[in-house]
C-alpha atoms as a PDB file:
ATOM      1  CA  MET A   1      -0.166   0.000   0.078  1.00  0.00           C
ATOM      2  CA  THR A   2       1.382   3.511  -1.222  1.00  0.00           C
ATOM      3  CA  GLU A   3       1.972   6.185   1.457  1.00  0.00           C
ATOM      4  CA  GLU A   4      -0.970   8.256  -0.250  1.00  0.00           C
ATOM      5  CA  LEU A   5      -3.238   5.381   0.573  1.00  0.00           C
ATOM      6  CA  LYS A   6      -2.125   5.057   4.165  1.00  0.00           C
ATOM      7  CA  ARG A   7      -2.893   8.727   4.512  1.00  0.00           C
ATOM      8  CA  THR A   8      -6.405   8.274   3.048  1.00  0.00           C
ATOM      9  CA  LEU A   9      -6.747   5.296   5.625  1.00  0.00           C
ATOM     10  CA  ALA A  10      -6.166   7.429   8.325  1.00  0.00           C
ATOM     11  CA  GLU A  11      -8.102  10.588   7.230  1.00  0.00           C
ATOM     12  CA  GLY A  12     -10.999   7.972   6.642  1.00  0.00           C
ATOM     13  CA  LEU A  13     -10.676   6.636  10.307  1.00  0.00           C
ATOM     14  CA  ALA A  14     -10.681  10.367  11.561  1.00  0.00           C
ATOM     15  CA  ALA A  15     -13.720  11.313   9.574  1.00  0.00           C
ATOM     16  CA  LEU A  16     -15.310   8.270  11.491  1.00  0.00           C
ATOM     17  CA  GLY A  17     -14.415   9.772  14.647  1.00  0.00           C
ATOM     18  CA  LEU A  18     -11.563   6.876  15.312  1.00  0.00           C
ATOM     19  CA  THR A  19      -7.966   7.297  16.284  1.00  0.00           C
ATOM     20  CA  PRO A  20      -6.178   4.336  15.594  1.00  0.00           C
ATOM     21  CA  PRO A  21      -3.497   2.814  18.099  1.00  0.00           C
ATOM     22  CA  GLU A  22       0.264   3.383  17.126  1.00  0.00           C
ATOM     23  CA  GLY A  23       1.393   1.120  14.414  1.00  0.00           C
ATOM     24  CA  ALA A  24      -2.148   0.196  13.320  1.00  0.00           C
ATOM     25  CA  VAL A  25      -2.147   2.158   9.907  1.00  0.00           C
ATOM     26  CA  ASP A  26       1.014   0.301   9.126  1.00  0.00           C
ATOM     27  CA  LYS A  27      -0.390  -2.935   9.994  1.00  0.00           C
ATOM     28  CA  LEU A  28      -3.530  -2.321   8.149  1.00  0.00           C
ATOM     29  CA  ALA A  29      -1.236  -1.442   5.047  1.00  0.00           C
ATOM     30  CA  LEU A  30       0.586  -4.796   5.265  1.00  0.00           C
ATOM     31  CA  TYR A  31      -2.524  -6.598   5.808  1.00  0.00           C
ATOM     32  CA  CYS A  32      -3.885  -5.032   2.530  1.00  0.00           C
ATOM     33  CA  ASP A  33      -0.668  -6.369   0.601  1.00  0.00           C
ATOM     34  CA  LEU A  34      -1.103  -9.716   2.004  1.00  0.00           C
ATOM     35  CA  LEU A  35      -4.746  -9.950   1.207  1.00  0.00           C
ATOM     36  CA  LEU A  36      -4.149  -8.956  -2.429  1.00  0.00           C
ATOM     37  CA  GLU A  37      -1.187 -11.141  -2.869  1.00  0.00           C
ATOM     38  CA  LYS A  38      -3.025 -14.074  -1.523  1.00  0.00           C
ATOM     39  CA  ASN A  39      -6.247 -13.122  -3.891  1.00  0.00           C
ATOM     40  CA  GLN A  40      -4.528 -14.087  -6.694  1.00  0.00           C
ATOM     41  CA  VAL A  41      -4.612 -17.736  -6.011  1.00  0.00           C
ATOM     42  CA  MET A  42      -7.034 -17.907  -3.327  1.00  0.00           C
ATOM     43  CA  ASN A  43     -10.923 -16.463  -3.573  1.00  0.00           C
ATOM     44  CA  LEU A  44     -10.380 -13.856  -0.444  1.00  0.00           C
ATOM     45  CA  THR A  45     -12.275 -11.044  -1.960  1.00  0.00           C
ATOM     46  CA  ALA A  46     -13.709  -9.707  -5.211  1.00  0.00           C
ATOM     47  CA  ILE A  47     -12.006  -6.339  -4.837  1.00  0.00           C
ATOM     48  CA  THR A  48      -8.431  -6.112  -6.318  1.00  0.00           C
ATOM     49  CA  ASP A  49      -7.792  -2.511  -6.134  1.00  0.00           C
ATOM     50  CA  PRO A  50      -6.070  -1.273  -2.817  1.00  0.00           C
ATOM     51  CA  ALA A  51      -7.990   1.861  -2.551  1.00  0.00           C
ATOM     52  CA  GLU A  52     -11.065  -0.125  -2.630  1.00  0.00           C
ATOM     53  CA  VAL A  53      -9.938  -2.474   0.010  1.00  0.00           C
ATOM     54  CA  VAL A  54      -9.186   0.482   2.053  1.00  0.00           C
ATOM     55  CA  ARG A  55     -12.805   1.967   1.704  1.00  0.00           C
ATOM     56  CA  LEU A  56     -14.885  -1.244   1.106  1.00  0.00           C
ATOM     57  CA  HIS A  57     -13.365  -3.485   3.523  1.00  0.00           C
ATOM     58  CA  PHE A  58     -11.125  -1.473   6.243  1.00  0.00           C
ATOM     59  CA  LEU A  59     -13.252   1.750   6.539  1.00  0.00           C
ATOM     60  CA  ASP A  60     -16.609  -0.395   6.362  1.00  0.00           C
ATOM     61  CA  SER A  61     -15.473  -2.750   8.977  1.00  0.00           C
ATOM     62  CA  ALA A  62     -14.378   0.014  10.938  1.00  0.00           C
ATOM     63  CA  ALA A  63     -17.860   1.588  11.050  1.00  0.00           C
ATOM     64  CA  LEU A  64     -18.806  -0.881  13.831  1.00  0.00           C
ATOM     65  CA  LEU A  65     -16.337   0.755  16.242  1.00  0.00           C
ATOM     66  CA  PRO A  66     -17.561   4.429  16.967  1.00  0.00           C
ATOM     67  CA  ALA A  67     -20.430   3.316  18.930  1.00  0.00           C
ATOM     68  CA  ARG A  68     -17.743   1.518  21.279  1.00  0.00           C
ATOM     69  CA  VAL A  69     -19.994  -1.323  22.258  1.00  0.00           C
ATOM     70  CA  LEU A  70     -17.625  -3.853  21.410  1.00  0.00           C
ATOM     71  CA  GLN A  71     -14.825  -2.331  23.321  1.00  0.00           C
ATOM     72  CA  GLY A  72     -13.036  -4.856  25.503  1.00  0.00           C
ATOM     73  CA  LYS A  73     -15.458  -7.518  24.549  1.00  0.00           C
ATOM     74  CA  LYS A  74     -14.999 -11.091  23.679  1.00  0.00           C
ATOM     75  CA  ILE A  75     -16.375 -11.336  19.951  1.00  0.00           C
ATOM     76  CA  ILE A  76     -16.863 -14.145  17.147  1.00  0.00           C
ATOM     77  CA  ASP A  77     -16.915 -13.142  13.535  1.00  0.00           C
ATOM     78  CA  VAL A  78     -18.991 -15.590  11.888  1.00  0.00           C
ATOM     79  CA  GLY A  79     -18.259 -16.194   8.017  1.00  0.00           C
ATOM     80  CA  THR A  80     -15.055 -14.218   8.192  1.00  0.00           C
ATOM     81  CA  GLY A  81     -13.744 -14.778   4.598  1.00  0.00           C
ATOM     82  CA  GLY A  82     -10.495 -12.448   4.187  1.00  0.00           C
ATOM     83  CA  GLY A  83     -10.910 -11.612   7.873  1.00  0.00           C
ATOM     84  CA  PHE A  84     -13.786  -8.689   7.619  1.00  0.00           C
ATOM     85  CA  PRO A  85     -14.640  -7.214   9.819  1.00  0.00           C
ATOM     86  CA  GLY A  86     -13.020  -9.078  12.774  1.00  0.00           C
ATOM     87  CA  LEU A  87      -9.252  -8.638  11.963  1.00  0.00           C
ATOM     88  CA  VAL A  88      -9.531  -4.883  11.240  1.00  0.00           C
ATOM     89  CA  LEU A  89     -11.506  -4.738  14.779  1.00  0.00           C
ATOM     90  CA  LYS A  90      -8.995  -6.273  16.370  1.00  0.00           C
ATOM     91  CA  LEU A  91      -6.193  -4.119  14.763  1.00  0.00           C
ATOM     92  CA  LEU A  92      -8.078  -0.825  15.531  1.00  0.00           C
ATOM     93  CA  ASP A  93      -9.249  -1.852  18.969  1.00  0.00           C
ATOM     94  CA  PRO A  94      -6.556  -4.247  20.510  1.00  0.00           C
ATOM     95  CA  THR A  95      -9.001  -4.405  23.777  1.00  0.00           C
ATOM     96  CA  MET A  96     -10.988  -6.932  21.950  1.00  0.00           C
ATOM     97  CA  GLU A  97     -11.039 -10.797  22.117  1.00  0.00           C
ATOM     98  CA  VAL A  98     -11.563 -12.016  18.468  1.00  0.00           C
ATOM     99  CA  THR A  99     -12.397 -15.319  17.015  1.00  0.00           C
ATOM    100  CA  LEU A 100     -12.308 -15.315  13.423  1.00  0.00           C
ATOM    101  CA  LEU A 101     -14.654 -18.188  12.216  1.00  0.00           C
ATOM    102  CA  ASP A 102     -14.673 -19.589   8.708  1.00  0.00           C
ATOM    103  CA  SER A 103     -15.905 -22.912   6.928  1.00  0.00           C
ATOM    104  CA  LEU A 104     -12.997 -22.973   4.683  1.00  0.00           C
ATOM    105  CA  GLY A 105      -9.825 -24.773   6.001  1.00  0.00           C
ATOM    106  CA  LYS A 106      -7.340 -22.774   3.397  1.00  0.00           C
ATOM    107  CA  ARG A 107      -8.841 -19.278   4.512  1.00  0.00           C
ATOM    108  CA  VAL A 108      -8.247 -20.175   8.037  1.00  0.00           C
ATOM    109  CA  ASP A 109      -4.668 -21.183   7.474  1.00  0.00           C
ATOM    110  CA  TRP A 110      -4.007 -18.154   5.452  1.00  0.00           C
ATOM    111  CA  LEU A 111      -5.908 -16.122   8.465  1.00  0.00           C
ATOM    112  CA  GLN A 112      -3.436 -17.517  11.025  1.00  0.00           C
ATOM    113  CA  GLY A 113      -0.302 -16.728   9.227  1.00  0.00           C
ATOM    114  CA  VAL A 114      -1.537 -13.299   8.708  1.00  0.00           C
ATOM    115  CA  CYS A 115      -2.136 -12.755  12.545  1.00  0.00           C
ATOM    116  CA  ARG A 116       1.452 -13.835  13.154  1.00  0.00           C
ATOM    117  CA  THR A 117       2.921 -11.953  10.779  1.00  0.00           C
ATOM    118  CA  LEU A 118       0.768  -8.820  12.093  1.00  0.00           C
ATOM    119  CA  ASP A 119       1.645  -9.836  15.757  1.00  0.00           C
ATOM    120  CA  LEU A 120      -1.589 -10.866  16.607  1.00  0.00           C
ATOM    121  CA  PRO A 121      -1.098 -13.791  18.969  1.00  0.00           C
ATOM    122  CA  ASP A 122      -4.115 -13.847  20.668  1.00  0.00           C
ATOM    123  CA  VAL A 123      -6.785 -13.708  17.727  1.00  0.00           C
ATOM    124  CA  VAL A 124      -8.124 -17.192  17.446  1.00  0.00           C
ATOM    125  CA  CYS A 125      -8.498 -18.337  13.888  1.00  0.00           C
ATOM    126  CA  ARG A 126     -11.228 -21.481  13.708  1.00  0.00           C
ATOM    127  CA  LYS A 127     -12.266 -23.768  11.059  1.00  0.00           C
ATOM    128  CA  GLY A 128     -16.019 -25.048  11.356  1.00  0.00           C
ATOM    129  CA  ARG A 129     -19.688 -24.281  10.438  1.00  0.00           C
ATOM    130  CA  ALA A 130     -21.569 -21.910  12.305  1.00  0.00           C
ATOM    131  CA  GLU A 131     -24.731 -24.224  12.748  1.00  0.00           C
ATOM    132  CA  GLU A 132     -22.676 -26.937  14.251  1.00  0.00           C
ATOM    133  CA  LEU A 133     -20.222 -24.847  16.370  1.00  0.00           C
ATOM    134  CA  GLY A 134     -23.148 -23.074  17.526  1.00  0.00           C
ATOM    135  CA  ARG A 135     -24.389 -26.324  19.559  1.00  0.00           C
ATOM    136  CA  ASP A 136     -20.944 -26.766  20.768  1.00  0.00           C
ATOM    137  CA  PRO A 137     -20.676 -26.060  24.426  1.00  0.00           C
ATOM    138  CA  ALA A 138     -17.307 -24.680  24.076  1.00  0.00           C
ATOM    139  CA  PHE A 139     -18.759 -21.991  21.745  1.00  0.00           C
ATOM    140  CA  ARG A 140     -22.301 -21.853  22.480  1.00  0.00           C
ATOM    141  CA  GLU A 141     -23.308 -18.867  24.440  1.00  0.00           C
ATOM    142  CA  GLN A 142     -19.605 -17.842  25.082  1.00  0.00           C
ATOM    143  CA  TYR A 143     -19.385 -14.521  23.477  1.00  0.00           C
ATOM    144  CA  ASP A 144     -20.258 -10.949  24.341  1.00  0.00           C
ATOM    145  CA  GLY A 145     -20.682 -10.192  20.579  1.00  0.00           C
ATOM    146  CA  ALA A 146     -20.947 -11.947  17.390  1.00  0.00           C
ATOM    147  CA  VAL A 147     -20.318  -9.806  14.275  1.00  0.00           C
ATOM    148  CA  SER A 148     -20.982 -10.785  10.403  1.00  0.00           C
ATOM    149  CA  ARG A 149     -20.614  -8.941   7.056  1.00  0.00           C
ATOM    150  CA  ALA A 150     -22.477  -9.587   3.710  1.00  0.00           C
ATOM    151  CA  LEU A 151     -22.806 -13.646   4.825  1.00  0.00           C
ATOM    152  CA  ALA A 152     -26.557 -14.034   4.374  1.00  0.00           C
ATOM    153  CA  SER A 153     -30.182 -12.840   4.702  1.00  0.00           C
ATOM    154  CA  MET A 154     -31.145 -11.547   8.023  1.00  0.00           C
ATOM    155  CA  PRO A 155     -33.058 -14.690   9.039  1.00  0.00           C
ATOM    156  CA  VAL A 156     -30.475 -16.943   7.851  1.00  0.00           C
ATOM    157  CA  LEU A 157     -27.520 -14.915   9.784  1.00  0.00           C
ATOM    158  CA  ALA A 158     -29.845 -14.496  13.062  1.00  0.00           C
ATOM    159  CA  GLU A 159     -29.813 -18.302  13.295  1.00  0.00           C
ATOM    160  CA  LEU A 160     -26.405 -18.769  12.704  1.00  0.00           C
ATOM    161  CA  CYS A 161     -25.112 -15.952  14.859  1.00  0.00           C
ATOM    162  CA  LEU A 162     -27.170 -15.677  17.818  1.00  0.00           C
ATOM    163  CA  PRO A 163     -26.375 -18.800  19.343  1.00  0.00           C
ATOM    164  CA  PHE A 164     -23.053 -17.759  20.049  1.00  0.00           C
ATOM    165  CA  VAL A 165     -23.914 -14.792  22.061  1.00  0.00           C
ATOM    166  CA  LYS A 166     -24.469 -15.031  25.540  1.00  0.00           C
ATOM    167  CA  PRO A 167     -27.540 -13.318  27.325  1.00  0.00           C
ATOM    168  CA  GLY A 168     -26.889  -9.612  27.641  1.00  0.00           C
ATOM    169  CA  GLY A 169     -24.826  -9.677  24.619  1.00  0.00           C
ATOM    170  CA  LEU A 170     -25.296  -8.140  21.073  1.00  0.00           C
ATOM    171  CA  PHE A 171     -25.292  -9.562  17.371  1.00  0.00           C
ATOM    172  CA  LEU A 172     -24.230  -7.061  14.804  1.00  0.00           C
ATOM    173  CA  ALA A 173     -25.074  -7.508  11.165  1.00  0.00           C
ATOM    174  CA  MET A 174     -23.400  -5.452   8.241  1.00  0.00           C
ATOM    175  CA  LYS A 175     -26.295  -5.040   5.505  1.00  0.00           C
ATOM    176  CA  SER A 176     -26.885  -2.845   2.679  1.00  0.00           C
ATOM    177  CA  ASN A 177     -29.696  -0.406   3.270  1.00  0.00           C
ATOM    178  CA  LYS A 178     -32.179  -2.106   1.085  1.00  0.00           C
ATOM    179  CA  THR A 179     -32.828  -4.629   3.508  1.00  0.00           C
ATOM    180  CA  ASP A 180     -36.135  -3.743   5.257  1.00  0.00           C
ATOM    181  CA  GLU A 181     -38.067  -6.847   4.159  1.00  0.00           C
ATOM    182  CA  GLU A 182     -35.565  -9.196   5.233  1.00  0.00           C
ATOM    183  CA  ILE A 183     -35.047  -7.667   8.361  1.00  0.00           C
ATOM    184  CA  ASP A 184     -38.902  -7.858   9.015  1.00  0.00           C
ATOM    185  CA  ALA A 185     -38.647 -11.412   8.104  1.00  0.00           C
ATOM    186  CA  ALA A 186     -35.939 -12.089  10.966  1.00  0.00           C
ATOM    187  CA  ARG A 187     -38.139 -10.445  13.554  1.00  0.00           C
ATOM    188  CA  PRO A 188     -39.880 -13.872  14.741  1.00  0.00           C
ATOM    189  CA  VAL A 189     -36.485 -15.837  14.257  1.00  0.00           C
ATOM    190  CA  ILE A 190     -34.557 -13.091  16.407  1.00  0.00           C
ATOM    191  CA  GLY A 191     -37.348 -13.523  19.304  1.00  0.00           C
ATOM    192  CA  THR A 192     -37.551 -16.739  19.358  1.00  0.00           C
ATOM    193  CA  LEU A 193     -33.582 -17.218  19.655  1.00  0.00           C
ATOM    194  CA  GLY A 194     -33.633 -14.782  22.582  1.00  0.00           C
ATOM    195  CA  GLY A 195     -33.170 -11.475  20.975  1.00  0.00           C
ATOM    196  CA  GLU A 196     -35.063  -8.304  21.224  1.00  0.00           C
ATOM    197  CA  PRO A 197     -36.394  -6.370  18.093  1.00  0.00           C
ATOM    198  CA  PRO A 198     -33.515  -5.040  16.128  1.00  0.00           C
ATOM    199  CA  PHE A 199     -32.297  -1.528  16.041  1.00  0.00           C
ATOM    200  CA  VAL A 200     -31.195  -0.224  12.565  1.00  0.00           C
ATOM    201  CA  MET A 201     -28.695   2.246  11.981  1.00  0.00           C
ATOM    202  CA  ASP A 202     -27.644   3.754   8.682  1.00  0.00           C
ATOM    203  CA  TYR A 203     -24.182   5.151   7.891  1.00  0.00           C
ATOM    204  CA  ARG A 204     -22.235   6.548   5.167  1.00  0.00           C
ATOM    205  CA  LEU A 205     -18.627   5.964   4.554  1.00  0.00           C
ATOM    206  CA  PRO A 206     -16.365   8.558   4.019  1.00  0.00           C
ATOM    207  CA  GLY A 207     -16.636  10.140   0.457  1.00  0.00           C
ATOM    208  CA  GLU A 208     -19.380   7.590  -0.368  1.00  0.00           C
ATOM    209  CA  ASP A 209     -22.983   9.202  -1.075  1.00  0.00           C
ATOM    210  CA  GLY A 210     -25.078   5.945  -0.503  1.00  0.00           C
ATOM    211  CA  TYR A 211     -25.858   4.551   2.784  1.00  0.00           C
ATOM    212  CA  ARG A 212     -24.982   1.114   4.640  1.00  0.00           C
ATOM    213  CA  ARG A 213     -26.825  -0.397   7.400  1.00  0.00           C
ATOM    214  CA  ILE A 214     -25.783  -2.050  10.671  1.00  0.00           C
ATOM    215  CA  VAL A 215     -28.546  -4.055  12.444  1.00  0.00           C
ATOM    216  CA  THR A 216     -27.982  -4.429  16.308  1.00  0.00           C
ATOM    217  CA  VAL A 217     -29.833  -7.228  18.306  1.00  0.00           C
ATOM    218  CA  TYR A 218     -29.608  -7.164  21.994  1.00  0.00           C
ATOM    219  CA  LYS A 219     -29.924 -10.640  23.454  1.00  0.00           C
ATOM    220  CA  LYS A 220     -32.036 -11.041  26.389  1.00  0.00           C
ATOM    221  CA  GLY A 221     -32.470 -14.594  26.916  1.00  0.00           C
ATOM    222  CA  PRO A 222     -30.730 -18.010  26.035  1.00  0.00           C
ATOM    223  CA  THR A 223     -31.361 -19.469  22.740  1.00  0.00           C
ATOM    224  CA  PRO A 224     -33.583 -22.597  22.687  1.00  0.00           C
ATOM    225  CA  LYS A 225     -31.697 -25.994  22.454  1.00  0.00           C
ATOM    226  CA  ALA A 226     -33.143 -27.044  19.211  1.00  0.00           C
ATOM    227  CA  TYR A 227     -31.295 -24.259  17.584  1.00  0.00           C
ATOM    228  CA  PRO A 228     -29.450 -23.797  15.305  1.00  0.00           C
ATOM    229  CA  ARG A 229     -30.597 -26.302  12.993  1.00  0.00           C
ATOM    230  CA  LYS A 230     -29.320 -28.325  10.546  1.00  0.00           C
ATOM    231  CA  TRP A 231     -27.852 -26.059   7.282  1.00  0.00           C
ATOM    232  CA  SER A 232     -30.426 -28.094   5.245  1.00  0.00           C
ATOM    233  CA  LYS A 233     -33.255 -26.530   7.120  1.00  0.00           C
ATOM    234  CA  ILE A 234     -31.612 -23.107   8.145  1.00  0.00           C
ATOM    235  CA  LYS A 235     -31.149 -22.501   4.258  1.00  0.00           C
ATOM    236  CA  GLU A 236     -34.413 -23.051   3.253  1.00  0.00           C
ATOM    237  CA  ALA A 237     -35.190 -19.610   5.173  1.00  0.00           C
ATOM    238  CA  LYS A 238     -38.569 -20.922   6.530  1.00  0.00           C
ATOM    239  CA  PHE A 239     -38.663 -20.570  10.446  1.00  0.00           C
ATOM    240  CA  VAL A 240     -40.737 -22.742  12.679  1.00  0.00           C
ATOM    241  CA  PRO A 241     -41.004 -21.649  16.043  1.00  0.00           C
ATOM    242  CA  PRO A 242     -39.913 -24.484  18.633  1.00  0.00           C
ATOM    243  CA  THR A 243     -42.729 -26.396  20.301  1.00  0.00           C
ATOM    244  CA  GLU A 244     -42.995 -26.364  23.666  1.00  0.00           C
ATOM    245  CA  GLY A 245     -40.657 -28.131  26.044  1.00  0.00           C
ATOM    246  CA  THR A 246     -37.769 -27.598  23.591  1.00  0.00           C
ATOM    247  CA  ASN A 247     -36.069 -25.100  25.498  1.00  0.00           C
END
């Protein structure tokens, strides 16, 4: 990444009201270089312009930080892909305990290497399927927050993410601002899984005209044992509330 792009990144973070820790911009620049180099042989991102990586990956991921609801929290990034938003969040706020979850082993191996290069020894990179780990006692309701970005529709995403969140924690989904229908469709899912009605906040990236969206769900109670279901059921996007006695 060029020095000019580093300045653009620093200015964009400042426009979001963020002051990055010492060395964070340099580490993000190295992360960008590693991402685009590996992307030539592995599908990590459809974005190949470093300037667009800065804007559409780094600054967009950073948009979760101004509210400071994740500061000092233990979070899991579900379906992290190339490390977004979780790895960006960790670089910009080292107080977080971050687990990066992805179903593809090659991506997880690469992320582990990136974390070593960036000197992030406490980041957990885990291969697994969310619908399976969400039933594992070592992961189920063990996190203060779950985050996910551009992974699935809200009803599907809620069932994949909320089981990881302990009561009193948060689930944050990064979506486009044209998602009113899918958010409405997710409301019964969210309620059954222990969440309160979603809070929607639209935001705009520095230098961008259009708006993006963060959907925040506060988890007030435990998720019933019946969830998450098997992927074959979840992907149908048909949600059936549990019968009495399945909690």
